[in-house]
Amino acid sequence: MVVIMQVTPCEILVNYTIQQALFQYYRCAGDLKYGILAIKKSEGSVRYMTTDILIIGAGITGTALAREISRYDVSCVVIDRACDVAEGATKANSGIVHAGYDAVPGTLKAKYNVAGAAAYPGLCRELGVPYRCCGALVIGFDEADEATLRDLLERGIRNGVEGLRILDHDDVLKMEPNLNPEVHSALYVPTSAIVSPYELAFALADDAALNGVVFRFDQPVRSVEKTDSGCWKVCTDTDQYECRAVVNCAGASGAEIHNMISDNPLEMIHRRGQYYLLDRAERQPFEMTVFQCPSRMGKGVLVSPTVHGNLLLGPTAEDIGDPLDTATTAEGLAEILQKAGRTWPGISTRTNITNFSGIRAHLTTGDFMVGPVSGCENAYEAVGIESPGLSSAPAIAEDLCRMIAGEMKWQRKDDDRIRPVPAREKAFSTMTAEERSEMVRKDPLYGNIICRCETVTEAEIRQAVRRPVGARTIDGVKRRTRAGMGRCQGGFCLPRVAAIIAEETGCSLAEVTKDGGNSRILAEPLDAFLKGGGDCE
């Protein structure tokens, strides 16, 4: 039996649960055009979908690009190998919006870093994402380090970074009195900022989805090839996509995808960075991000506040063979403490609440690759987007979309067809007593605190699941609401969060996962366990 349904993207995408259910059991046929989505029912799982453009990768670059493309009268699908947006480097980095002093002048890193950083204040304000211009110091401990700092100053000036200056020992300690008193000098970077990278990616994805972009997860790409009709065919473990244009924003898998598309192979080094995350405090020891002089392996170990009041230490820089190996090691964590201790002699991990790591996608060319894939018509890429990739993402997305739209001759939508993301309420934890009382009066679920560490309510968790690209896992809720981000790391709130996810999505509690795949919270339904004679021992 074949059933044809015609529905608008908005009708599907406002309720992401409906979108997910439809695409689990239906396959798409024909050209997807804004306003009409044609779906055919098929036996088994989804096998075939056509779209004007397919983006591989739902990290900060892929979601920023999807938002830009959603302003055009074309169909767009974003796929990712993971179970959610921002599951790669976007969820595991320093959260720094670099000013642009470190990138070599004339490189794409320099170009996009400075332009992207300039876009952040307005973008985060528009999307309601935490952002703070806290400034940064790059510190040195001797005259040789000061020479490096002066080189960075000159680079920054050539790149157009404003307000840079060299500080002497006394001025540095006036700004940050908890620094190592042996500090010799520092480069002051007043325009350096901090942001929540995964929250920005979620907001970008929501905006794109509300404007017609479809997101599909658990879609590891196995092949990319050109068809006889001139389109691109992308195959995953379960599904097949045919598109007029394909864009590689696959992060740590970027070189692998490039090599499926092009006969000119790329080589990528996967560089792991491990971190400490310390608990929130009324006043952290540092107001600014503090770097040490950089090396060829990166910007070195930093000590930095986060937008939510935690303190971050790291990262390491370890070249590894497995692009998915995000383990932390005793050796790596010891290295962080040893190096960060030179910045902060009073360092203590007594308030450490978690450790994590992420993978940086370092191309052997040393620079970003952004634009058309050479010799491959209608194939584009943003590859090797390591630091300052977070800072650069808005500018990369805007420039890449401009290239694609020009070559594909797309028409931009009228402004009245672009749906703004609805303003989200302030986090309950940041409200005044009067604001909290008013929210509880409007919605009693605000009166039920689920996460005590971070003061997250049931209303906020349910809203996180109901977002246009909503949470489907424990970690998805955590990163959208901070439930489970506190000192107990979900020890108290996890069972209730899991129950809410099950209620909202219609799945069983046994199907709820921590982070997709086989990371199920329960091995079997509790009632089956008890019926089988289990007990609490």
Protein backbone atom coordinates (compact mmCIF):
# COMPACT_ATOMS: atom_id res chain seq x y z
CA MET A 1 0.00 0.00 0.00
CA VAL A 2 1.22 3.50 -0.85
CA VAL A 3 -0.10 6.52 1.00
CA ILE A 4 0.66 10.04 -0.21
CA MET A 5 0.60 12.78 2.41
CA GLN A 6 1.02 16.48 1.77
CA VAL A 7 1.95 18.63 4.72
CA THR A 8 3.82 21.87 5.20
CA PRO A 9 7.27 21.80 6.77
CA CYS A 10 5.97 24.02 9.57
CA GLU A 11 3.22 21.52 10.45
CA ILE A 12 5.84 18.82 10.76
CA LEU A 13 8.68 20.76 12.29
CA VAL A 14 6.84 22.62 15.03
CA ASN A 15 6.35 19.24 16.66
CA TYR A 16 9.63 17.40 16.30
CA THR A 17 8.13 14.23 17.76
CA ILE A 18 5.84 14.06 14.71
CA GLN A 19 8.79 14.73 12.40
CA GLN A 20 10.81 11.93 13.94
CA ALA A 21 7.91 9.47 13.81
CA LEU A 22 7.12 10.26 10.19
CA PHE A 23 10.67 9.81 9.00
CA GLN A 24 11.09 6.58 10.89
CA TYR A 25 8.31 4.93 8.88
CA TYR A 26 7.96 6.87 5.65
CA ARG A 27 10.20 7.41 2.71
CA CYS A 28 10.32 10.60 0.74
CA ALA A 29 9.93 10.80 -3.04
CA GLY A 30 10.26 13.59 -5.60
CA ASP A 31 11.75 17.04 -5.22
CA LEU A 32 11.26 18.62 -1.82
CA LYS A 33 10.10 22.18 -2.31
CA TYR A 34 9.28 24.70 0.38
CA GLY A 35 5.64 24.39 1.38
CA ILE A 36 4.99 20.80 0.29
CA LEU A 37 6.58 17.61 1.59
CA ALA A 38 5.54 14.46 -0.29
CA ILE A 39 5.87 11.27 1.75
CA LYS A 40 5.32 7.70 0.62
CA LYS A 41 4.63 4.92 3.05
CA SER A 42 6.92 1.95 2.62
CA GLU A 43 7.46 -1.38 4.32
CA GLY A 44 10.41 -1.31 6.64
CA SER A 45 12.69 1.61 7.43
CA VAL A 46 13.30 4.76 5.44
CA ARG A 47 15.28 3.98 2.29
CA TYR A 48 15.08 6.95 -0.03
CA MET A 49 14.83 10.74 0.19
CA THR A 50 15.50 13.50 -2.32
CA THR A 51 16.42 17.07 -1.48
CA ASP A 52 17.96 20.09 -3.14
CA ILE A 53 20.93 20.11 -0.75
CA LEU A 54 22.26 17.70 1.87
CA ILE A 55 24.56 18.79 4.70
CA ILE A 56 26.66 16.07 6.33
CA GLY A 57 27.36 17.05 9.92
CA ALA A 58 25.22 18.78 12.59
CA GLY A 59 27.95 20.52 14.56
CA ILE A 60 28.39 24.27 14.89
CA THR A 61 29.41 24.69 11.24
CA GLY A 62 26.67 22.45 9.82
CA THR A 63 23.90 24.03 11.89
CA ALA A 64 25.07 27.58 11.10
CA LEU A 65 25.08 26.69 7.39
CA ALA A 66 21.63 25.08 7.64
CA ARG A 67 20.25 28.28 9.13
CA GLU A 68 21.72 30.35 6.30
CA ILE A 69 20.35 27.96 3.65
CA SER A 70 16.89 28.00 5.28
CA ARG A 71 16.58 31.61 4.07
CA TYR A 72 16.42 30.33 0.46
CA ASP A 73 13.57 28.70 -1.44
CA VAL A 74 15.14 25.23 -1.48
CA SER A 75 14.79 21.98 0.42
CA CYS A 76 17.59 21.04 2.80
CA VAL A 77 18.32 17.96 4.91
CA VAL A 78 21.02 17.71 7.58
CA ILE A 79 22.29 14.27 8.59
CA ASP A 80 24.66 13.28 11.37
CA ARG A 81 26.15 10.00 12.51
CA ALA A 82 25.27 10.76 16.14
CA CYS A 83 21.93 10.91 17.94
CA ASP A 84 21.71 14.69 18.30
CA VAL A 85 23.05 18.05 17.26
CA ALA A 86 26.51 19.03 18.56
CA GLU A 87 27.71 15.54 19.45
CA GLY A 88 31.28 16.01 18.17
CA ALA A 89 33.81 18.76 18.84
CA THR A 90 30.99 21.28 19.33
CA LYS A 91 30.07 19.78 22.70
CA ALA A 92 33.68 19.32 23.83
CA ASN A 93 35.78 22.45 23.38
CA SER A 94 36.85 25.48 25.36
CA GLY A 95 33.87 27.66 24.41
CA ILE A 96 36.16 30.57 23.50
CA VAL A 97 35.26 33.13 20.84
CA HIS A 98 38.83 33.99 19.87
CA ALA A 99 39.51 37.56 18.82
CA GLY A 100 41.82 36.56 15.95
CA TYR A 101 45.33 37.46 17.13
CA ASP A 102 46.78 33.95 16.70
CA ALA A 103 45.82 33.06 13.11
CA VAL A 104 48.47 33.65 10.45
CA PRO A 105 47.51 36.72 8.38
CA GLY A 106 46.21 35.86 4.94
CA THR A 107 44.89 32.42 5.90
CA LEU A 108 41.25 31.36 5.93
CA LYS A 109 41.58 30.93 9.68
CA ALA A 110 42.43 34.62 10.03
CA LYS A 111 39.70 35.74 7.62
CA TYR A 112 36.87 33.75 9.17
CA ASN A 113 37.98 34.11 12.80
CA VAL A 114 37.82 37.90 12.81
CA ALA A 115 34.58 38.08 10.80
CA GLY A 116 32.94 35.32 12.83
CA ALA A 117 33.88 36.82 16.19
CA ALA A 118 32.36 40.14 15.12
CA ALA A 119 29.05 38.37 14.37
CA TYR A 120 28.75 36.68 17.76
CA PRO A 121 27.23 39.42 19.95
CA GLY A 122 24.30 40.03 17.59
CA LEU A 123 23.80 36.35 16.75
CA CYS A 124 23.72 35.23 20.38
CA ARG A 125 21.42 38.09 21.33
CA GLU A 126 19.02 37.17 18.51
CA LEU A 127 18.97 33.47 19.41
CA GLY A 128 19.01 33.90 23.20
CA VAL A 129 22.32 32.09 23.70
CA PRO A 130 24.68 32.82 26.66
CA TYR A 131 27.65 34.96 25.56
CA ARG A 132 30.05 37.13 27.54
CA CYS A 133 32.92 39.32 26.41
CA CYS A 134 35.28 38.62 29.31
CA GLY A 135 38.63 39.38 27.64
CA ALA A 136 41.75 37.23 27.67
CA LEU A 137 45.38 37.26 28.68
CA VAL A 138 48.17 35.37 26.93
CA ILE A 139 50.89 35.18 29.57
CA GLY A 140 54.65 34.74 29.30
CA PHE A 141 57.29 34.01 31.92
CA ASP A 142 60.46 35.42 30.41
CA GLU A 143 61.82 37.70 27.67
CA ALA A 144 61.65 34.94 25.06
CA ASP A 145 57.93 34.57 25.78
CA GLU A 146 57.51 38.34 25.51
CA ALA A 147 59.02 38.20 22.03
CA THR A 148 56.36 35.63 21.11
CA LEU A 149 53.68 37.88 22.60
CA ARG A 150 54.89 40.79 20.46
CA ASP A 151 54.70 38.58 17.38
CA LEU A 152 51.10 37.74 18.32
CA LEU A 153 50.39 41.44 18.82
CA GLU A 154 51.67 42.19 15.32
CA ARG A 155 49.61 39.33 13.88
CA GLY A 156 46.50 40.58 15.60
CA ILE A 157 47.00 44.11 14.33
CA ARG A 158 47.44 42.83 10.77
CA ASN A 159 44.27 40.74 11.14
CA GLY A 160 42.30 43.79 12.29
CA VAL A 161 41.86 42.87 15.96
CA GLU A 162 41.28 45.97 18.06
CA GLY A 163 42.46 46.90 21.55
CA LEU A 164 45.46 44.58 21.83
CA ARG A 165 48.33 45.65 24.04
CA ILE A 166 51.29 44.23 25.97
CA LEU A 167 51.10 44.42 29.77
CA ASP A 168 54.03 44.32 32.16
CA HIS A 169 54.24 42.22 35.32
CA ASP A 170 52.48 44.71 37.60
CA ASP A 171 49.62 45.46 35.21
CA VAL A 172 48.98 41.75 34.63
CA LEU A 173 48.67 41.05 38.36
CA LYS A 174 46.40 44.05 38.84
CA MET A 175 43.99 42.51 36.33
CA GLU A 176 44.26 38.95 37.62
CA PRO A 177 45.80 38.85 41.12
CA ASN A 178 45.55 35.03 41.39
CA LEU A 179 47.99 34.51 38.53
CA ASN A 180 51.47 33.14 39.13
CA PRO A 181 53.48 36.06 40.57
CA GLU A 182 56.40 34.96 38.38
CA VAL A 183 54.52 36.13 35.27
CA HIS A 184 56.73 38.40 33.18
CA SER A 185 54.27 39.99 30.74
CA ALA A 186 51.05 39.31 28.86
CA LEU A 187 49.15 40.13 25.72
CA TYR A 188 45.82 41.67 26.69
CA VAL A 189 42.94 40.76 24.36
CA PRO A 190 39.86 42.77 25.42
CA THR A 191 37.57 41.43 22.65
CA SER A 192 37.99 37.74 23.50
CA ALA A 193 34.70 36.21 24.63
CA ILE A 194 33.08 33.02 25.91
CA VAL A 195 29.95 31.25 24.71
CA SER A 196 28.05 28.00 25.22
CA PRO A 197 28.90 26.24 21.92
CA TYR A 198 26.34 23.44 22.08
CA GLU A 199 23.55 25.82 23.13
CA LEU A 200 24.37 27.94 20.09
CA ALA A 201 24.23 24.85 17.83
CA PHE A 202 20.83 23.88 19.30
CA ALA A 203 19.49 27.38 18.68
CA LEU A 204 20.82 27.43 15.11
CA ALA A 205 19.24 24.03 14.43
CA ASP A 206 15.88 25.14 15.88
CA ASP A 207 15.92 28.24 13.68
CA ALA A 208 16.76 26.17 10.59
CA ALA A 209 14.08 23.57 11.38
CA LEU A 210 11.38 26.18 11.86
CA ASN A 211 12.27 27.43 8.40
CA GLY A 212 11.99 24.11 6.63
CA VAL A 213 15.25 22.22 7.21
CA VAL A 214 14.90 18.54 8.15
CA PHE A 215 17.39 17.00 10.62
CA ARG A 216 18.05 13.26 10.69
CA PHE A 217 20.29 11.47 13.17
CA ASP A 218 21.95 8.07 13.55
CA GLN A 219 23.00 8.38 9.91
CA PRO A 220 26.70 7.44 9.53
CA VAL A 221 27.70 8.00 5.90
CA ARG A 222 29.07 4.92 4.13
CA SER A 223 29.38 6.22 0.55
CA VAL A 224 29.03 9.37 -1.55
CA GLU A 225 28.90 9.08 -5.33
CA LYS A 226 27.68 10.91 -8.43
CA THR A 227 24.68 9.45 -10.24
CA ASP A 228 24.13 9.28 -13.99
CA SER A 229 21.62 12.13 -13.67
CA GLY A 230 24.30 14.41 -12.22
CA CYS A 231 22.96 14.34 -8.66
CA TRP A 232 24.82 13.11 -5.60
CA LYS A 233 23.80 9.89 -3.86
CA VAL A 234 24.67 9.57 -0.17
CA CYS A 235 24.14 6.21 1.54
CA THR A 236 24.03 5.55 5.27
CA ASP A 237 23.51 2.30 7.16
CA THR A 238 19.75 2.48 6.67
CA ASP A 239 18.89 5.18 4.16
CA GLN A 240 19.74 6.71 0.80
CA TYR A 241 19.64 10.39 -0.10
CA GLU A 242 19.72 11.93 -3.55
CA CYS A 243 20.54 15.62 -3.76
CA ARG A 244 21.53 18.27 -6.26
CA ALA A 245 24.29 19.54 -3.96
CA VAL A 246 26.15 18.03 -1.02
CA VAL A 247 28.13 19.82 1.70
CA ASN A 248 30.73 18.15 3.89
CA CYS A 249 30.70 19.64 7.41
CA ALA A 250 31.60 16.34 9.05
CA GLY A 251 34.16 17.54 11.61
CA ALA A 252 36.56 14.79 12.61
CA SER A 253 35.22 12.67 9.73
CA GLY A 254 35.67 15.49 7.23
CA ALA A 255 38.68 14.03 5.44
CA GLU A 256 36.99 10.63 5.20
CA ILE A 257 33.92 12.19 3.54
CA HIS A 258 36.11 14.35 1.29
CA ASN A 259 37.92 11.26 0.08
CA MET A 260 34.58 9.65 -0.84
CA ILE A 261 33.77 12.69 -3.00
CA SER A 262 37.15 13.60 -4.47
CA ASP A 263 40.05 11.79 -6.14
CA ASN A 264 42.42 14.26 -4.45
CA PRO A 265 42.74 12.82 -0.96
CA LEU A 266 43.14 14.78 2.25
CA GLU A 267 45.04 13.68 5.32
CA MET A 268 43.68 14.61 8.74
CA ILE A 269 45.35 14.38 12.14
CA HIS A 270 42.92 13.74 14.97
CA ARG A 271 44.06 15.73 17.98
CA ARG A 272 42.43 14.95 21.30
CA GLY A 273 42.04 17.55 24.01
CA GLN A 274 41.15 16.58 27.58
CA TYR A 275 39.61 18.93 30.17
CA TYR A 276 38.74 19.43 33.81
CA LEU A 277 35.43 21.15 34.61
CA LEU A 278 35.24 22.66 38.10
CA ASP A 279 32.02 23.40 39.94
CA ARG A 280 30.34 26.76 39.84
CA ALA A 281 31.30 29.33 42.46
CA GLU A 282 30.07 32.75 43.49
CA ARG A 283 33.44 34.11 42.43
CA GLN A 284 35.94 32.17 40.37
CA PRO A 285 39.68 32.91 40.73
CA PHE A 286 39.84 34.40 37.21
CA GLU A 287 37.57 36.84 35.40
CA MET A 288 39.28 36.40 32.03
CA THR A 289 40.44 33.49 29.92
CA VAL A 290 44.14 32.94 30.58
CA PHE A 291 46.35 31.28 27.95
CA GLN A 292 50.04 30.48 28.02
CA CYS A 293 52.23 31.21 25.01
CA PRO A 294 51.09 28.96 22.12
CA SER A 295 53.10 26.23 20.43
CA ARG A 296 52.83 24.39 17.11
CA MET A 297 50.33 22.00 18.80
CA GLY A 298 47.87 24.77 19.62
CA LYS A 299 47.07 27.53 22.05
CA GLY A 300 48.19 25.49 25.03
CA VAL A 301 46.52 24.77 28.37
CA LEU A 302 44.13 27.50 29.44
CA VAL A 303 42.26 28.43 32.60
CA SER A 304 38.91 29.98 31.75
CA PRO A 305 35.53 30.80 33.22
CA THR A 306 32.46 29.52 31.39
CA VAL A 307 29.26 31.42 30.68
CA HIS A 308 27.54 29.36 33.38
CA GLY A 309 30.07 30.15 36.12
CA ASN A 310 32.22 27.01 36.03
CA LEU A 311 35.99 26.99 35.58
CA LEU A 312 37.59 25.07 32.72
CA LEU A 313 41.15 23.68 32.67
CA GLY A 314 42.73 22.24 29.52
CA PRO A 315 43.06 21.05 26.85
CA THR A 316 45.82 18.60 26.15
CA ALA A 317 46.96 18.09 22.53
CA GLU A 318 47.39 14.39 21.72
CA ASP A 319 47.57 13.09 18.16
CA ILE A 320 45.60 9.82 18.06
CA GLY A 321 44.52 7.35 15.41
CA ASP A 322 40.84 6.96 16.25
CA PRO A 323 38.69 10.02 15.43
CA LEU A 324 36.02 8.84 17.87
CA ASP A 325 38.29 8.14 20.86
CA THR A 326 37.12 10.67 23.43
CA ALA A 327 38.46 8.80 26.46
CA THR A 328 40.21 10.67 29.25
CA THR A 329 43.46 9.32 30.66
CA ALA A 330 45.33 9.64 33.93
CA GLU A 331 48.39 10.86 32.02
CA GLY A 332 46.44 13.52 30.13
CA LEU A 333 44.70 14.84 33.22
CA ALA A 334 47.98 14.95 35.12
CA GLU A 335 49.50 16.97 32.27
CA ILE A 336 46.69 19.52 32.54
CA LEU A 337 47.25 20.02 36.25
CA GLN A 338 50.99 20.33 35.79
CA LYS A 339 50.71 22.94 33.02
CA ALA A 340 47.72 24.83 34.41
CA GLY A 341 49.53 24.98 37.76
CA ARG A 342 52.08 27.30 36.19
CA THR A 343 49.29 29.75 35.43
CA TRP A 344 47.47 29.24 38.73
CA PRO A 345 49.73 28.17 41.62
CA GLY A 346 46.69 27.82 43.88
CA ILE A 347 45.12 25.24 41.59
CA SER A 348 42.81 22.76 43.26
CA THR A 349 40.64 19.99 41.85
CA ARG A 350 38.61 19.68 45.05
CA THR A 351 35.61 21.09 43.18
CA ASN A 352 36.13 19.03 40.01
CA ILE A 353 32.78 17.68 38.84
CA THR A 354 33.69 15.99 35.56
CA ASN A 355 36.37 15.39 32.95
CA PHE A 356 35.82 15.14 29.22
CA SER A 357 37.64 15.28 25.91
CA GLY A 358 37.00 16.30 22.31
CA ILE A 359 38.67 15.68 18.96
CA ARG A 360 40.11 18.53 16.86
CA ALA A 361 40.13 18.03 13.10
CA HIS A 362 43.63 19.15 12.08
CA LEU A 363 44.47 19.04 8.38
CA THR A 364 48.11 18.56 7.43
CA THR A 365 47.74 21.70 5.27
CA GLY A 366 47.36 23.69 8.50
CA ASP A 367 44.41 25.78 7.32
CA PHE A 368 40.65 25.50 6.87
CA MET A 369 39.29 24.22 3.56
CA VAL A 370 36.08 26.08 2.70
CA GLY A 371 34.31 26.15 -0.65
CA PRO A 372 33.74 23.92 -3.69
CA VAL A 373 35.45 20.53 -3.77
CA SER A 374 37.92 20.81 -6.63
CA GLY A 375 36.76 18.98 -9.75
CA CYS A 376 33.45 17.87 -8.20
CA GLU A 377 30.45 19.82 -9.44
CA ASN A 378 27.92 20.84 -6.77
CA ALA A 379 30.01 19.42 -3.94
CA TYR A 380 31.17 21.79 -1.19
CA GLU A 381 33.00 21.50 2.09
CA ALA A 382 34.08 23.10 5.32
CA VAL A 383 36.86 20.76 6.46
CA GLY A 384 39.66 21.01 9.01
CA ILE A 385 37.57 23.35 11.15
CA GLU A 386 39.68 23.14 14.29
CA SER A 387 40.36 26.14 16.53
CA PRO A 388 39.34 28.88 15.82
CA GLY A 389 36.46 26.97 14.23
CA LEU A 390 33.84 27.89 16.84
CA SER A 391 34.70 31.57 16.45
CA SER A 392 34.69 31.26 12.66
CA ALA A 393 31.46 29.28 12.18
CA PRO A 394 29.05 32.19 11.53
CA ALA A 395 31.36 33.68 8.90
CA ILE A 396 32.11 30.30 7.28
CA ALA A 397 28.38 29.56 7.03
CA GLU A 398 27.54 32.93 5.53
CA ASP A 399 30.35 32.78 2.96
CA LEU A 400 29.76 29.15 2.00
CA CYS A 401 26.02 29.71 1.60
CA ARG A 402 26.72 32.72 -0.61
CA MET A 403 28.95 30.58 -2.83
CA ILE A 404 26.41 27.77 -3.10
CA ALA A 405 23.41 30.04 -3.66
CA GLY A 406 25.27 31.90 -6.40
CA GLU A 407 26.37 28.78 -8.25
CA MET A 408 23.01 27.01 -7.84
CA LYS A 409 21.06 30.21 -8.69
CA TRP A 410 18.82 29.99 -5.65
CA GLN A 411 16.11 32.53 -4.89
CA ARG A 412 16.02 34.07 -1.44
CA LYS A 413 12.75 33.85 0.47
CA ASP A 414 10.75 36.97 1.16
CA ASP A 415 11.20 38.19 4.72
CA ASP A 416 7.61 37.37 5.64
CA ARG A 417 8.31 33.67 4.95
CA ILE A 418 11.17 33.52 7.46
CA ARG A 419 10.01 32.39 10.89
CA PRO A 420 11.97 33.79 13.83
CA VAL A 421 12.79 31.49 16.71
CA PRO A 422 10.34 32.24 19.54
CA ALA A 423 11.98 33.92 22.52
CA ARG A 424 12.68 31.42 25.27
CA GLU A 425 12.05 32.16 28.91
CA LYS A 426 14.95 32.92 31.21
CA ALA A 427 16.36 29.93 33.00
CA PHE A 428 14.42 29.42 36.23
CA SER A 429 17.73 29.37 38.12
CA THR A 430 18.46 32.97 37.05
CA MET A 431 15.00 34.40 37.81
CA THR A 432 14.22 36.66 40.72
CA ALA A 433 11.80 35.45 43.39
CA GLU A 434 9.05 37.56 41.83
CA GLU A 435 9.74 36.15 38.35
CA ARG A 436 9.68 32.60 39.69
CA SER A 437 6.35 33.15 41.42
CA GLU A 438 4.86 34.51 38.21
CA MET A 439 6.13 31.55 36.15
CA VAL A 440 4.72 29.05 38.64
CA ARG A 441 1.39 30.89 38.50
CA LYS A 442 1.38 30.59 34.67
CA ASP A 443 2.59 26.98 34.61
CA PRO A 444 2.62 24.92 37.83
CA LEU A 445 5.30 22.62 36.33
CA TYR A 446 7.78 25.41 37.06
CA GLY A 447 7.14 24.66 40.70
CA ASN A 448 8.55 21.13 40.40
CA ILE A 449 12.35 21.22 40.67
CA ILE A 450 13.82 18.16 38.95
CA CYS A 451 17.54 19.03 39.11
CA ARG A 452 18.45 20.42 42.50
CA CYS A 453 22.08 21.20 41.69
CA GLU A 454 21.20 23.52 38.80
CA THR A 455 17.60 24.39 39.80
CA VAL A 456 16.02 23.05 36.61
CA THR A 457 12.25 22.59 36.55
CA GLU A 458 9.96 20.02 34.99
CA ALA A 459 8.56 22.72 32.70
CA GLU A 460 12.03 23.44 31.29
CA ILE A 461 12.79 19.76 30.67
CA ARG A 462 9.51 19.20 28.84
CA GLN A 463 10.18 22.31 26.76
CA ALA A 464 13.62 20.96 25.83
CA VAL A 465 12.05 17.79 24.41
CA ARG A 466 9.41 19.81 22.54
CA ARG A 467 11.85 22.18 20.82
CA PRO A 468 11.91 22.09 16.98
CA VAL A 469 15.00 19.88 17.18
CA GLY A 470 14.34 18.54 20.63
CA ALA A 471 16.19 16.40 23.13
CA ARG A 472 15.74 12.62 22.89
CA THR A 473 18.41 11.53 25.36
CA ILE A 474 19.51 12.24 28.92
CA ASP A 475 22.55 14.14 27.64
CA GLY A 476 20.38 16.01 25.14
CA VAL A 477 18.26 17.31 28.01
CA LYS A 478 21.39 18.05 30.04
CA ARG A 479 22.95 20.25 27.40
CA ARG A 480 19.69 22.09 26.66
CA THR A 481 18.67 22.73 30.28
CA ARG A 482 21.72 21.95 32.49
CA ALA A 483 19.76 19.23 34.33
CA GLY A 484 22.57 16.87 35.35
CA MET A 485 25.34 19.44 34.83
CA GLY A 486 25.87 20.09 38.52
CA ARG A 487 27.89 18.57 41.30
CA CYS A 488 26.05 15.24 41.42
CA GLN A 489 26.16 14.89 37.59
CA GLY A 490 22.61 13.57 37.40
CA GLY A 491 22.79 11.25 40.39
CA PHE A 492 19.46 12.55 41.73
CA CYS A 493 17.60 13.83 38.68
CA LEU A 494 18.42 11.22 36.02
CA PRO A 495 15.49 8.84 36.77
CA ARG A 496 12.93 11.64 36.59
CA VAL A 497 14.49 13.11 33.43
CA ALA A 498 14.33 9.68 31.80
CA ALA A 499 10.67 9.33 32.78
CA ILE A 500 9.82 12.74 31.29
CA ILE A 501 11.58 11.85 28.02
CA ALA A 502 9.57 8.61 27.84
CA GLU A 503 6.31 10.44 28.53
CA GLU A 504 6.98 13.17 25.97
CA THR A 505 8.20 10.93 23.15
CA GLY A 506 5.91 7.97 23.71
CA CYS A 507 8.75 5.48 24.04
CA SER A 508 9.17 3.07 26.91
CA LEU A 509 11.49 3.90 29.79
CA ALA A 510 13.71 1.01 28.74
CA GLU A 511 14.28 2.72 25.38
CA VAL A 512 15.61 5.97 26.87
CA THR A 513 19.38 6.31 26.43
CA LYS A 514 22.05 8.44 27.98
CA ASP A 515 23.55 9.44 24.64
CA GLY A 516 22.04 7.31 21.89
CA GLY A 517 23.12 3.92 20.58
CA ASN A 518 23.24 1.21 23.23
CA SER A 519 23.65 3.58 26.19
CA ARG A 520 20.30 2.57 27.68
CA ILE A 521 19.58 3.56 31.26
CA LEU A 522 17.64 0.35 32.02
CA ALA A 523 18.65 -3.13 30.91
CA GLU A 524 14.98 -4.16 30.84
CA PRO A 525 11.62 -2.74 31.93
CA LEU A 526 11.33 -2.65 35.71
CA ASP A 527 8.04 -4.53 35.75
CA ALA A 528 9.58 -7.40 33.74
CA PHE A 529 12.52 -7.46 36.13
CA LEU A 530 10.26 -7.68 39.16
CA LYS A 531 8.00 -10.30 37.56
CA GLY A 532 11.08 -12.37 36.91
CA GLY A 533 11.80 -12.52 40.62
CA GLY A 534 14.39 -9.77 40.87
CA ASP A 535 14.89 -7.80 44.04
CA CYS A 536 16.70 -4.66 45.09
CA GLU A 537 19.95 -6.31 46.14
